[in-house]
Structures are given as structure tokens and as C-alpha cells.
C-alpha atoms as a PDB file:
ATOM      1  CA  MET A   1     -26.356  28.810 -18.877  1.00  0.00           C
ATOM      2  CA  SER A   2     -24.191  29.898 -21.953  1.00  0.00           C
ATOM      3  CA  TRP A   3     -20.559  29.002 -22.463  1.00  0.00           C
ATOM      4  CA  GLU A   4     -19.556  32.431 -21.791  1.00  0.00           C
ATOM      5  CA  LYS A   5     -21.216  32.450 -18.421  1.00  0.00           C
ATOM      6  CA  LYS A   6     -19.626  29.239 -17.443  1.00  0.00           C
ATOM      7  CA  GLN A   7     -16.215  30.716 -18.376  1.00  0.00           C
ATOM      8  CA  ARG A   8     -17.011  33.714 -16.120  1.00  0.00           C
ATOM      9  CA  VAL A   9     -17.755  31.887 -13.152  1.00  0.00           C
ATOM     10  CA  ILE A  10     -14.691  29.890 -13.472  1.00  0.00           C
ATOM     11  CA  ALA A  11     -12.587  32.918 -14.124  1.00  0.00           C
ATOM     12  CA  LEU A  12     -13.969  34.409 -10.919  1.00  0.00           C
ATOM     13  CA  MET A  13     -12.715  31.438  -9.167  1.00  0.00           C
ATOM     14  CA  VAL A  14      -9.442  33.180  -9.810  1.00  0.00           C
ATOM     15  CA  VAL A  15     -10.775  35.960  -7.787  1.00  0.00           C
ATOM     16  CA  MET A  16     -10.331  35.219  -6.860  1.00  0.00           C
ATOM     17  CA  VAL A  17      -8.973  34.545  -9.966  1.00  0.00           C
ATOM     18  CA  ALA A  18      -8.991  32.839 -13.280  1.00  0.00           C
ATOM     19  CA  LEU A  19      -8.830  29.128 -13.796  1.00  0.00           C
ATOM     20  CA  ILE A  20     -10.164  27.777 -17.079  1.00  0.00           C
ATOM     21  CA  ALA A  21     -12.021  24.548 -16.690  1.00  0.00           C
ATOM     22  CA  MET A  22     -15.578  23.078 -17.535  1.00  0.00           C
ATOM     23  CA  ARG A  23     -17.978  23.892 -14.669  1.00  0.00           C
ATOM     24  CA  SER A  24     -19.446  20.676 -13.178  1.00  0.00           C
ATOM     25  CA  GLU A  25     -21.111  19.797  -9.964  1.00  0.00           C
ATOM     26  CA  GLY A  26     -18.674  19.319  -7.024  1.00  0.00           C
ATOM     27  CA  GLN A  27     -15.602  20.722  -8.792  1.00  0.00           C
ATOM     28  CA  THR A  28     -13.355  22.639  -6.724  1.00  0.00           C
ATOM     29  CA  VAL A  29     -10.336  24.886  -7.354  1.00  0.00           C
ATOM     30  CA  CYS A  30      -8.249  26.199  -4.287  1.00  0.00           C
ATOM     31  CA  ASN A  31     -10.784  24.519  -1.991  1.00  0.00           C
ATOM     32  CA  ALA A  32     -13.663  26.457  -3.275  1.00  0.00           C
ATOM     33  CA  SER A  33     -16.757  25.124  -5.088  1.00  0.00           C
ATOM     34  CA  VAL A  34     -16.971  26.473  -8.591  1.00  0.00           C
ATOM     35  CA  SER A  35     -20.763  26.483  -8.425  1.00  0.00           C
ATOM     36  CA  SER A  36     -20.764  28.206  -5.094  1.00  0.00           C
ATOM     37  CA  LEU A  37     -18.492  31.079  -6.363  1.00  0.00           C
ATOM     38  CA  GLU A  38     -21.079  32.035  -9.013  1.00  0.00           C
ATOM     39  CA  ALA A  39     -22.579  34.288  -6.279  1.00  0.00           C
ATOM     40  CA  CYS A  40     -19.267  36.287  -6.350  1.00  0.00           C
ATOM     41  CA  GLU A  41     -19.172  37.205  -9.968  1.00  0.00           C
ATOM     42  CA  PRO A  42     -21.095  40.453  -9.693  1.00  0.00           C
ATOM     43  CA  ALA A  43     -18.752  41.737  -6.954  1.00  0.00           C
ATOM     44  CA  ALA A  44     -15.896  41.431  -9.318  1.00  0.00           C
ATOM     45  CA  THR A  45     -17.470  42.932 -12.405  1.00  0.00           C
ATOM     46  CA  PRO A  46     -16.924  46.470 -13.339  1.00  0.00           C
ATOM     47  CA  PRO A  47     -18.114  49.338 -13.628  1.00  0.00           C
ATOM     48  CA  ASN A  48     -20.284  49.391 -10.471  1.00  0.00           C
ATOM     49  CA  PRO A  49     -20.018  46.090  -8.612  1.00  0.00           C
ATOM     50  CA  PRO A  50     -22.412  45.534  -5.792  1.00  0.00           C
ATOM     51  CA  PRO A  51     -21.115  44.305  -2.263  1.00  0.00           C
ATOM     52  CA  PRO A  52     -20.712  40.507  -2.101  1.00  0.00           C
ATOM     53  CA  THR A  53     -23.442  38.504  -0.976  1.00  0.00           C
ATOM     54  CA  GLN A  54     -23.627  36.207   2.080  1.00  0.00           C
ATOM     55  CA  GLU A  55     -23.526  33.389  -0.348  1.00  0.00           C
ATOM     56  CA  CYS A  56     -20.363  34.622  -2.010  1.00  0.00           C
ATOM     57  CA  CYS A  57     -18.578  35.197   1.355  1.00  0.00           C
ATOM     58  CA  ALA A  58     -19.498  31.710   2.757  1.00  0.00           C
ATOM     59  CA  ALA A  59     -17.937  30.319  -0.402  1.00  0.00           C
ATOM     60  CA  LEU A  60     -14.844  32.389  -0.045  1.00  0.00           C
ATOM     61  CA  SER A  61     -14.451  31.492   3.582  1.00  0.00           C
ATOM     62  CA  HIS A  62     -13.204  28.114   2.345  1.00  0.00           C
ATOM     63  CA  ALA A  63     -10.801  29.127  -0.361  1.00  0.00           C
ATOM     64  CA  ASP A  64      -7.110  29.007  -0.325  1.00  0.00           C
ATOM     65  CA  PHE A  65      -6.189  32.517  -1.080  1.00  0.00           C
ATOM     66  CA  ALA A  66      -2.510  31.716  -1.589  1.00  0.00           C
ATOM     67  CA  CYS A  67      -3.611  29.297  -4.281  1.00  0.00           C
ATOM     68  CA  LEU A  68      -5.919  31.698  -5.886  1.00  0.00           C
ATOM     69  CA  CYS A  69      -3.059  34.169  -6.024  1.00  0.00           C
ATOM     70  CA  THR A  70      -1.347  31.961  -8.668  1.00  0.00           C
ATOM     71  CA  TYR A  71      -4.012  33.200 -10.957  1.00  0.00           C
ATOM     72  CA  LYS A  72      -4.051  36.837 -10.289  1.00  0.00           C
ATOM     73  CA  ASN A  73      -2.368  37.835 -13.563  1.00  0.00           C
ATOM     74  CA  ASP A  74      -4.385  35.518 -15.752  1.00  0.00           C
ATOM     75  CA  PRO A  75      -5.320  37.390 -19.018  1.00  0.00           C
ATOM     76  CA  LEU A  76      -8.581  35.530 -19.133  1.00  0.00           C
ATOM     77  CA  LEU A  77     -10.021  37.501 -16.288  1.00  0.00           C
ATOM     78  CA  PRO A  78     -10.126  40.870 -18.087  1.00  0.00           C
ATOM     79  CA  SER A  79     -11.120  39.119 -21.438  1.00  0.00           C
ATOM     80  CA  LEU A  80     -14.388  38.010 -19.572  1.00  0.00           C
ATOM     81  CA  GLY A  81     -15.170  41.334 -17.902  1.00  0.00           C
ATOM     82  CA  ILE A  82     -13.795  40.476 -14.643  1.00  0.00           C
ATOM     83  CA  ASP A  83     -11.534  43.124 -12.971  1.00  0.00           C
ATOM     84  CA  PRO A  84      -8.711  41.192 -11.147  1.00  0.00           C
ATOM     85  CA  LYS A  85      -8.151  44.097  -8.790  1.00  0.00           C
ATOM     86  CA  LEU A  86     -11.921  44.118  -7.821  1.00  0.00           C
ATOM     87  CA  ALA A  87     -11.800  40.217  -7.444  1.00  0.00           C
ATOM     88  CA  PHE A  88      -8.971  40.486  -4.867  1.00  0.00           C
ATOM     89  CA  GLN A  89     -10.930  43.036  -2.968  1.00  0.00           C
ATOM     90  CA  VAL A  90     -14.088  40.684  -2.554  1.00  0.00           C
ATOM     91  CA  PRO A  91     -12.623  38.797   0.551  1.00  0.00           C
ATOM     92  CA  VAL A  92     -11.816  42.049   2.324  1.00  0.00           C
ATOM     93  CA  LYS A  93     -15.427  43.249   1.678  1.00  0.00           C
ATOM     94  CA  CYS A  94     -16.556  39.740   3.234  1.00  0.00           C
ATOM     95  CA  ASN A  95     -14.425  40.480   6.372  1.00  0.00           C
ATOM     96  CA  LEU A  96     -11.921  37.738   5.407  1.00  0.00           C
ATOM     97  CA  PRO A  97      -8.231  38.231   5.565  1.00  0.00           C
ATOM     98  CA  PRO A  98      -6.802  39.671   2.325  1.00  0.00           C
ATOM     99  CA  PRO A  99      -5.297  37.483  -0.368  1.00  0.00           C
ATOM    100  CA  PRO A 100      -1.544  37.384   0.487  1.00  0.00           C
ATOM    101  CA  CYS A 101      -0.547  38.660  -3.004  1.00  0.00           C
END
């Protein structure tokens, strides 16, 4: 996996929403595993994101959305091809409560 891909996965955390960190096994951000959220990346990447997968939704079911909201305006997301607006729509598409931000 390239460095750019790792950064995209981490940025997606800030879906739900961008946190810059090195990806490693067991690392969590806002109660969500970085590695499990990799499945959510396509659902937050324009121009035509597919619906989130069951794996993505399962990962988001444990996330602390209030915590993730603190990263909503992180400038890294757009620079990595992640649309923050799309990222914050993913929980709703998973039939989870919307983020409070």
C-alpha cells in the first residue's frame, strides 16, 4: 500500500473526517479502527461514490461522531480526494445517526 493510500485511509477517519497519522494495526481514532475504515473510502470519494459497504457501516457503528466532527474542516481531506460533505453523509447511508456537526 502506497503512502498516499495510507494517508487517504487516515483522512477518511475524519469522515468521518481527517486525522493525519501513520496507519498501524490496532490504531483507533474516535473509537474507530483505522484499518476497518478503509472500506469507507470509496463512499467518500467523488465524483460518483458507491454506497457504503456492510464492512464500512460496521466500522462506523462504533465511531464517536462528535469526536470526528472536530476534523470536519481539515484541509487534508480535499487534498487527498476525499469530499468532506460526502464523508459526513456516509453514516446516514449506513442507517446510523447523522454526525452532530
